[in-house]
Amino acid sequence: MDGGRAQIIERGVLTAPDEAWDVAVRQAEVIGRLAAEPQVGLAAADAAASELGEPLTNVS
């Protein structure tokens, strides 16, 4: 330590059930692929929604 305040770096989640964490990780993977693209068409958004098991109308 540098004698000052300790810096804690974390992702904002201290505890979560394994199942909820697995869902969040999967969602982040799918959404991350879309976010990496400069543009996302309806077909790609629909495929991502299907992959996540959500109808496109629920994805915002």
N, C-alpha and C. Protein backbone atom coordinates (compact mmCIF):
# COMPACT_ATOMS: atom_id res chain seq x y z
N MET A 1 0.84 -1.18 0.00
CA MET A 1 0.00 0.00 0.00
C MET A 1 0.89 1.24 0.00
N ASP A 2 0.30 2.33 -0.41
CA ASP A 2 1.07 3.56 -0.50
C ASP A 2 0.85 4.46 0.70
N GLY A 3 0.24 3.94 1.77
CA GLY A 3 -0.02 4.74 2.95
C GLY A 3 -1.31 5.53 2.87
N GLY A 4 -1.91 5.55 1.67
CA GLY A 4 -3.18 6.26 1.48
C GLY A 4 -4.34 5.27 1.55
N ARG A 5 -5.37 5.61 0.85
CA ARG A 5 -6.55 4.75 0.83
C ARG A 5 -6.32 3.55 -0.08
N ALA A 6 -6.88 2.43 0.31
CA ALA A 6 -6.81 1.23 -0.52
C ALA A 6 -7.79 1.39 -1.68
N GLN A 7 -7.39 0.94 -2.84
CA GLN A 7 -8.27 0.99 -4.00
C GLN A 7 -8.83 -0.40 -4.23
N ILE A 8 -10.14 -0.49 -4.30
CA ILE A 8 -10.80 -1.77 -4.54
C ILE A 8 -11.41 -1.72 -5.94
N ILE A 9 -11.00 -2.65 -6.75
CA ILE A 9 -11.51 -2.73 -8.11
C ILE A 9 -12.36 -3.99 -8.18
N GLU A 10 -13.64 -3.80 -8.49
CA GLU A 10 -14.54 -4.95 -8.62
C GLU A 10 -15.62 -4.61 -9.62
N ARG A 11 -16.44 -5.59 -9.95
CA ARG A 11 -17.45 -5.43 -10.98
C ARG A 11 -18.81 -5.03 -10.43
N GLY A 12 -18.92 -4.72 -9.16
CA GLY A 12 -20.19 -4.28 -8.62
C GLY A 12 -21.07 -5.40 -8.09
N VAL A 13 -20.63 -6.63 -8.21
CA VAL A 13 -21.41 -7.76 -7.72
C VAL A 13 -20.57 -8.48 -6.68
N LEU A 14 -21.03 -8.44 -5.44
CA LEU A 14 -20.28 -9.10 -4.38
C LEU A 14 -20.72 -10.54 -4.20
N THR A 15 -22.01 -10.80 -4.34
CA THR A 15 -22.51 -12.17 -4.25
C THR A 15 -23.66 -12.33 -5.24
N ALA A 16 -23.76 -13.50 -5.78
CA ALA A 16 -24.87 -13.85 -6.67
C ALA A 16 -24.92 -15.37 -6.73
N PRO A 17 -26.13 -15.92 -6.81
CA PRO A 17 -26.22 -17.38 -6.99
C PRO A 17 -25.54 -17.78 -8.29
N ASP A 18 -24.97 -18.96 -8.32
CA ASP A 18 -24.25 -19.43 -9.51
C ASP A 18 -25.11 -19.36 -10.77
N GLU A 19 -26.37 -19.75 -10.65
CA GLU A 19 -27.25 -19.74 -11.82
C GLU A 19 -27.44 -18.32 -12.35
N ALA A 20 -27.66 -17.36 -11.47
CA ALA A 20 -27.84 -15.97 -11.90
C ALA A 20 -26.55 -15.44 -12.52
N TRP A 21 -25.42 -15.79 -11.96
CA TRP A 21 -24.14 -15.34 -12.50
C TRP A 21 -23.91 -15.93 -13.89
N ASP A 22 -24.22 -17.21 -14.06
CA ASP A 22 -24.06 -17.85 -15.37
C ASP A 22 -24.92 -17.18 -16.43
N VAL A 23 -26.16 -16.83 -16.07
CA VAL A 23 -27.04 -16.13 -17.00
C VAL A 23 -26.44 -14.77 -17.36
N ALA A 24 -25.97 -14.04 -16.38
CA ALA A 24 -25.38 -12.72 -16.62
C ALA A 24 -24.16 -12.80 -17.52
N VAL A 25 -23.32 -13.80 -17.30
CA VAL A 25 -22.12 -13.97 -18.13
C VAL A 25 -22.52 -14.28 -19.56
N ARG A 26 -23.51 -15.15 -19.73
CA ARG A 26 -23.98 -15.50 -21.08
C ARG A 26 -24.56 -14.28 -21.78
N GLN A 27 -25.36 -13.51 -21.08
CA GLN A 27 -25.93 -12.30 -21.67
C GLN A 27 -24.82 -11.33 -22.08
N ALA A 28 -23.82 -11.17 -21.24
CA ALA A 28 -22.71 -10.27 -21.54
C ALA A 28 -21.95 -10.73 -22.78
N GLU A 29 -21.79 -12.03 -22.95
CA GLU A 29 -21.11 -12.55 -24.14
C GLU A 29 -21.88 -12.21 -25.41
N VAL A 30 -23.18 -12.46 -25.39
CA VAL A 30 -24.01 -12.20 -26.57
C VAL A 30 -24.09 -10.71 -26.85
N ILE A 31 -24.35 -9.91 -25.84
CA ILE A 31 -24.46 -8.47 -26.02
C ILE A 31 -23.11 -7.87 -26.42
N GLY A 32 -22.03 -8.41 -25.87
CA GLY A 32 -20.69 -7.94 -26.21
C GLY A 32 -20.38 -8.10 -27.68
N ARG A 33 -20.82 -9.21 -28.26
CA ARG A 33 -20.60 -9.41 -29.70
C ARG A 33 -21.33 -8.35 -30.50
N LEU A 34 -22.55 -8.02 -30.09
CA LEU A 34 -23.30 -6.98 -30.80
C LEU A 34 -22.63 -5.61 -30.60
N ALA A 35 -22.21 -5.33 -29.40
CA ALA A 35 -21.61 -4.03 -29.09
C ALA A 35 -20.30 -3.81 -29.84
N ALA A 36 -19.64 -4.87 -30.22
CA ALA A 36 -18.37 -4.74 -30.92
C ALA A 36 -18.56 -4.33 -32.38
N GLU A 37 -19.77 -4.43 -32.88
CA GLU A 37 -20.05 -4.08 -34.27
C GLU A 37 -20.40 -2.60 -34.39
N PRO A 38 -20.01 -1.98 -35.51
CA PRO A 38 -20.36 -0.58 -35.70
C PRO A 38 -21.86 -0.37 -35.90
N GLN A 39 -22.51 -1.35 -36.50
CA GLN A 39 -23.96 -1.32 -36.70
C GLN A 39 -24.49 -2.73 -36.50
N VAL A 40 -25.71 -2.80 -36.00
CA VAL A 40 -26.36 -4.10 -35.80
C VAL A 40 -27.71 -4.06 -36.49
N GLY A 41 -27.89 -4.97 -37.42
CA GLY A 41 -29.16 -5.03 -38.13
C GLY A 41 -30.20 -5.83 -37.35
N LEU A 42 -31.40 -5.78 -37.86
CA LEU A 42 -32.51 -6.47 -37.21
C LEU A 42 -32.26 -7.97 -37.15
N ALA A 43 -31.69 -8.55 -38.19
CA ALA A 43 -31.44 -9.99 -38.20
C ALA A 43 -30.46 -10.39 -37.10
N ALA A 44 -29.41 -9.61 -36.91
CA ALA A 44 -28.43 -9.91 -35.86
C ALA A 44 -29.05 -9.73 -34.47
N ALA A 45 -29.85 -8.69 -34.32
CA ALA A 45 -30.51 -8.47 -33.03
C ALA A 45 -31.50 -9.60 -32.75
N ASP A 46 -32.22 -10.04 -33.76
CA ASP A 46 -33.18 -11.13 -33.60
C ASP A 46 -32.46 -12.43 -33.25
N ALA A 47 -31.32 -12.69 -33.90
CA ALA A 47 -30.55 -13.90 -33.60
C ALA A 47 -30.03 -13.87 -32.17
N ALA A 48 -29.57 -12.71 -31.72
CA ALA A 48 -29.08 -12.57 -30.35
C ALA A 48 -30.21 -12.79 -29.35
N ALA A 49 -31.36 -12.22 -29.65
CA ALA A 49 -32.52 -12.40 -28.76
C ALA A 49 -32.91 -13.87 -28.68
N SER A 50 -32.91 -14.54 -29.82
CA SER A 50 -33.23 -15.97 -29.84
C SER A 50 -32.21 -16.78 -29.04
N GLU A 51 -30.95 -16.40 -29.19
CA GLU A 51 -29.88 -17.09 -28.45
C GLU A 51 -30.06 -16.95 -26.95
N LEU A 52 -30.59 -15.81 -26.54
CA LEU A 52 -30.82 -15.56 -25.12
C LEU A 52 -32.19 -16.06 -24.67
N GLY A 53 -32.99 -16.55 -25.61
CA GLY A 53 -34.31 -17.07 -25.26
C GLY A 53 -35.32 -15.99 -24.97
N GLU A 54 -35.11 -14.82 -25.56
CA GLU A 54 -36.02 -13.69 -25.35
C GLU A 54 -36.61 -13.28 -26.69
N PRO A 55 -37.90 -12.93 -26.70
CA PRO A 55 -38.44 -12.35 -27.94
C PRO A 55 -37.81 -11.00 -28.19
N LEU A 56 -37.65 -10.63 -29.43
CA LEU A 56 -36.99 -9.38 -29.80
C LEU A 56 -37.67 -8.18 -29.13
N THR A 57 -38.98 -8.24 -28.92
CA THR A 57 -39.66 -7.11 -28.32
C THR A 57 -39.24 -6.86 -26.88
N ASN A 58 -38.62 -7.86 -26.22
CA ASN A 58 -38.16 -7.70 -24.83
C ASN A 58 -36.73 -7.19 -24.75
N VAL A 59 -36.05 -7.12 -25.86
CA VAL A 59 -34.65 -6.70 -25.88
C VAL A 59 -34.61 -5.22 -26.20
N SER A 60 -34.00 -4.46 -25.30
CA SER A 60 -33.91 -3.02 -25.56
C SER A 60 -32.50 -2.54 -25.35
